[in-house]
C-alpha atoms as a PDB file:
ATOM      1  CA  MET A   1      -7.758 -16.341   4.507  1.00  0.00           C
ATOM      2  CA  SER A   2      -5.597 -14.330   6.886  1.00  0.00           C
ATOM      3  CA  GLU A   3      -2.227 -15.533   8.090  1.00  0.00           C
ATOM      4  CA  LEU A   4      -1.798 -16.877  11.612  1.00  0.00           C
ATOM      5  CA  ASN A   5       1.043 -15.895  13.866  1.00  0.00           C
ATOM      6  CA  ARG A   6       2.757 -18.516  16.014  1.00  0.00           C
ATOM      7  CA  GLU A   7       0.631 -17.832  19.111  1.00  0.00           C
ATOM      8  CA  GLN A   8      -2.641 -18.009  17.180  1.00  0.00           C
ATOM      9  CA  ALA A   9      -1.601 -21.255  15.517  1.00  0.00           C
ATOM     10  CA  TRP A  10      -0.636 -22.789  18.863  1.00  0.00           C
ATOM     11  CA  ASN A  11      -3.940 -21.718  20.432  1.00  0.00           C
ATOM     12  CA  LEU A  12      -5.864 -23.241  17.540  1.00  0.00           C
ATOM     13  CA  LEU A  13      -3.889 -26.481  17.782  1.00  0.00           C
ATOM     14  CA  THR A  14      -4.347 -26.820  21.531  1.00  0.00           C
ATOM     15  CA  GLU A  15      -8.052 -25.986  21.279  1.00  0.00           C
ATOM     16  CA  TYR A  16      -8.668 -29.138  19.244  1.00  0.00           C
ATOM     17  CA  ASN A  17      -5.820 -31.392  20.371  1.00  0.00           C
ATOM     18  CA  GLN A  18      -4.537 -31.935  23.903  1.00  0.00           C
ATOM     19  CA  ASP A  19      -2.556 -35.115  23.180  1.00  0.00           C
ATOM     20  CA  GLN A  20       0.995 -34.464  24.468  1.00  0.00           C
ATOM     21  CA  PHE A  21       2.548 -36.518  21.659  1.00  0.00           C
ATOM     22  CA  HIS A  22       0.935 -34.359  18.984  1.00  0.00           C
ATOM     23  CA  LEU A  23       1.864 -31.112  20.739  1.00  0.00           C
ATOM     24  CA  TYR A  24       5.471 -32.305  21.086  1.00  0.00           C
ATOM     25  CA  HIS A  25       5.465 -33.362  17.433  1.00  0.00           C
ATOM     26  CA  ALA A  26       4.260 -29.890  16.399  1.00  0.00           C
ATOM     27  CA  LYS A  27       7.187 -28.284  18.268  1.00  0.00           C
ATOM     28  CA  VAL A  28       9.666 -30.716  16.669  1.00  0.00           C
ATOM     29  CA  VAL A  29       8.322 -29.939  13.195  1.00  0.00           C
ATOM     30  CA  GLU A  30       8.558 -26.198  13.921  1.00  0.00           C
ATOM     31  CA  GLY A  31      12.212 -26.601  14.934  1.00  0.00           C
ATOM     32  CA  ILE A  32      13.012 -28.608  11.802  1.00  0.00           C
ATOM     33  CA  MET A  33      11.366 -25.997   9.572  1.00  0.00           C
ATOM     34  CA  LYS A  34      13.349 -23.194  11.256  1.00  0.00           C
ATOM     35  CA  TRP A  35      16.583 -25.172  10.806  1.00  0.00           C
ATOM     36  CA  LYS A  36      15.761 -25.883   7.152  1.00  0.00           C
ATOM     37  CA  ARG A  37      15.047 -22.192   6.532  1.00  0.00           C
ATOM     38  CA  PHE A  38      18.366 -21.261   8.183  1.00  0.00           C
ATOM     39  CA  CYS A  39      20.304 -23.831   6.131  1.00  0.00           C
ATOM     40  CA  SER A  40      18.750 -22.693   2.857  1.00  0.00           C
ATOM     41  CA  GLN A  41      19.980 -19.114   3.261  1.00  0.00           C
ATOM     42  CA  PRO A  42      23.188 -18.294   1.429  1.00  0.00           C
ATOM     43  CA  MET A  43      26.100 -17.668   3.749  1.00  0.00           C
ATOM     44  CA  ASN A  44      28.251 -14.618   3.158  1.00  0.00           C
ATOM     45  CA  PHE A  45      31.533 -14.820   5.051  1.00  0.00           C
ATOM     46  CA  ARG A  46      33.108 -11.664   3.655  1.00  0.00           C
ATOM     47  CA  ALA A  47      34.691  -9.424   6.223  1.00  0.00           C
END
């Protein structure tokens, strides 16, 4: 199975689901996953 990029995934989602709640929920989940990925990266504050 090939990987989907963000645009392809959104097109697939909206093809089968037009409910605004579910589309909003998908965007919220995407934002949470991006935040979680950011927070899991080690921070290096060396100058």
